[in-house]
Structure formats: C-alpha cells, structure tokens
Amino acid sequence: MLHTDDENDIWLDAFSAVLAEPSADERSFFEDRRQQGLGVGLDETGNLMHATSGPSTPPSLSSDR
C-alpha cells in the first residue's frame, strides 16, 4: 500500500514522539541496572557508562575508561 508524503511525515512524527520517551519497562530495566552498578548506556564515543548515584537521585554518568 502506497502512502503520500504527508501521510509518511505524519506517521514518522508520531513514531518519533513515541520513541523519544522511555517506556515504563525501559525505565524499570535501567533502574535495576543502576541499582546493581551495571552499565546503563553508551557515551558519544561508544564507551560503556555506569550510574554513579543512588537510586533515589537522578543518575550522573561516568565513563568506563
């Protein structure tokens, strides 16, 4: 099924909006990793990042170099 450029733009905008915020499952997954001191993502150069704060405060990230 072919779609117009406008339909594709509307779909892409809606899809991007959904992906812009983590889901509840994603939040829970990364909170568990933070509490265990495991890696929580990658920095801009691809290095593994670790949470350095406790679970009750927003995580500050440090590079694993």
C-alpha atoms as a PDB file:
ATOM      1  CA  MET A   1       0.000   0.000   0.000  1.00  0.00           C
ATOM      2  CA  LEU A   2       1.481   3.340  -1.014  1.00  0.00           C
ATOM      3  CA  HIS A   3       1.174   6.402   1.175  1.00  0.00           C
ATOM      4  CA  THR A   4       1.517  10.056   0.346  1.00  0.00           C
ATOM      5  CA  ASP A   5       4.499  12.063   1.559  1.00  0.00           C
ATOM      6  CA  ASP A   6       2.209  13.855   4.010  1.00  0.00           C
ATOM      7  CA  GLU A   7       0.995  10.549   5.465  1.00  0.00           C
ATOM      8  CA  ASN A   8       4.578   9.328   5.793  1.00  0.00           C
ATOM      9  CA  ASP A   9       5.583  12.568   7.545  1.00  0.00           C
ATOM     10  CA  ILE A  10       2.658  12.298   9.985  1.00  0.00           C
ATOM     11  CA  TRP A  11       3.499   8.664  10.741  1.00  0.00           C
ATOM     12  CA  LEU A  12       7.201   9.426  11.226  1.00  0.00           C
ATOM     13  CA  ASP A  13       6.420  12.330  13.572  1.00  0.00           C
ATOM     14  CA  ALA A  14       4.112  10.143  15.687  1.00  0.00           C
ATOM     15  CA  PHE A  15       6.580   7.235  15.697  1.00  0.00           C
ATOM     16  CA  SER A  16       9.462   9.531  16.700  1.00  0.00           C
ATOM     17  CA  ALA A  17       7.388  11.003  19.535  1.00  0.00           C
ATOM     18  CA  VAL A  18       6.743   7.516  20.936  1.00  0.00           C
ATOM     19  CA  LEU A  19      10.442   6.640  20.789  1.00  0.00           C
ATOM     20  CA  ALA A  20      11.531   9.939  22.345  1.00  0.00           C
ATOM     21  CA  GLU A  21      10.454   8.836  25.837  1.00  0.00           C
ATOM     22  CA  PRO A  22      11.375   5.534  27.509  1.00  0.00           C
ATOM     23  CA  SER A  23       8.575   3.114  28.314  1.00  0.00           C
ATOM     24  CA  ALA A  24       7.798   2.023  31.878  1.00  0.00           C
ATOM     25  CA  ASP A  25       9.537  -1.297  31.170  1.00  0.00           C
ATOM     26  CA  GLU A  26      12.648   0.512  29.902  1.00  0.00           C
ATOM     27  CA  ARG A  27      12.713   2.770  32.966  1.00  0.00           C
ATOM     28  CA  SER A  28      12.424  -0.253  35.254  1.00  0.00           C
ATOM     29  CA  PHE A  29      15.117  -2.172  33.350  1.00  0.00           C
ATOM     30  CA  PHE A  30      17.654   0.650  33.616  1.00  0.00           C
ATOM     31  CA  GLU A  31      16.756   1.444  37.223  1.00  0.00           C
ATOM     32  CA  ASP A  32      17.523  -2.190  38.086  1.00  0.00           C
ATOM     33  CA  ARG A  33      20.863  -1.899  36.268  1.00  0.00           C
ATOM     34  CA  ARG A  34      21.693   1.343  38.109  1.00  0.00           C
ATOM     35  CA  GLN A  35      20.951  -0.258  41.481  1.00  0.00           C
ATOM     36  CA  GLN A  36      23.230  -3.178  40.595  1.00  0.00           C
ATOM     37  CA  GLY A  37      26.033  -0.862  39.430  1.00  0.00           C
ATOM     38  CA  LEU A  38      25.885  -2.224  35.892  1.00  0.00           C
ATOM     39  CA  GLY A  39      26.317  -0.291  32.674  1.00  0.00           C
ATOM     40  CA  VAL A  40      23.401   1.959  31.790  1.00  0.00           C
ATOM     41  CA  GLY A  41      24.282   3.086  28.260  1.00  0.00           C
ATOM     42  CA  LEU A  42      26.971   4.309  25.907  1.00  0.00           C
ATOM     43  CA  ASP A  43      28.641   7.700  25.690  1.00  0.00           C
ATOM     44  CA  GLU A  44      29.096   9.597  22.427  1.00  0.00           C
ATOM     45  CA  THR A  45      32.245   7.583  21.623  1.00  0.00           C
ATOM     46  CA  GLY A  46      30.686   4.180  22.362  1.00  0.00           C
ATOM     47  CA  ASN A  47      32.179   3.635  25.829  1.00  0.00           C
ATOM     48  CA  LEU A  48      30.045   1.869  28.451  1.00  0.00           C
ATOM     49  CA  MET A  49      28.583   4.271  31.018  1.00  0.00           C
ATOM     50  CA  HIS A  50      27.830   3.449  34.664  1.00  0.00           C
ATOM     51  CA  ALA A  51      25.473   5.152  37.093  1.00  0.00           C
ATOM     52  CA  THR A  52      27.357   6.795  39.947  1.00  0.00           C
ATOM     53  CA  SER A  53      24.450   7.945  42.117  1.00  0.00           C
ATOM     54  CA  GLY A  54      21.990   6.145  44.364  1.00  0.00           C
ATOM     55  CA  PRO A  55      18.549   5.053  43.140  1.00  0.00           C
ATOM     56  CA  SER A  56      16.716   7.970  44.756  1.00  0.00           C
ATOM     57  CA  THR A  57      18.621  10.668  42.846  1.00  0.00           C
ATOM     58  CA  PRO A  58      18.884  11.237  39.094  1.00  0.00           C
ATOM     59  CA  PRO A  59      21.840   9.279  37.752  1.00  0.00           C
ATOM     60  CA  SER A  60      25.045  11.057  36.925  1.00  0.00           C
ATOM     61  CA  LEU A  61      27.051   9.084  34.467  1.00  0.00           C
ATOM     62  CA  SER A  62      30.740   8.322  34.422  1.00  0.00           C
ATOM     63  CA  SER A  63      32.680   6.855  31.552  1.00  0.00           C
ATOM     64  CA  ASP A  64      34.205   3.390  31.907  1.00  0.00           C
ATOM     65  CA  ARG A  65      37.676   4.243  30.561  1.00  0.00           C
END
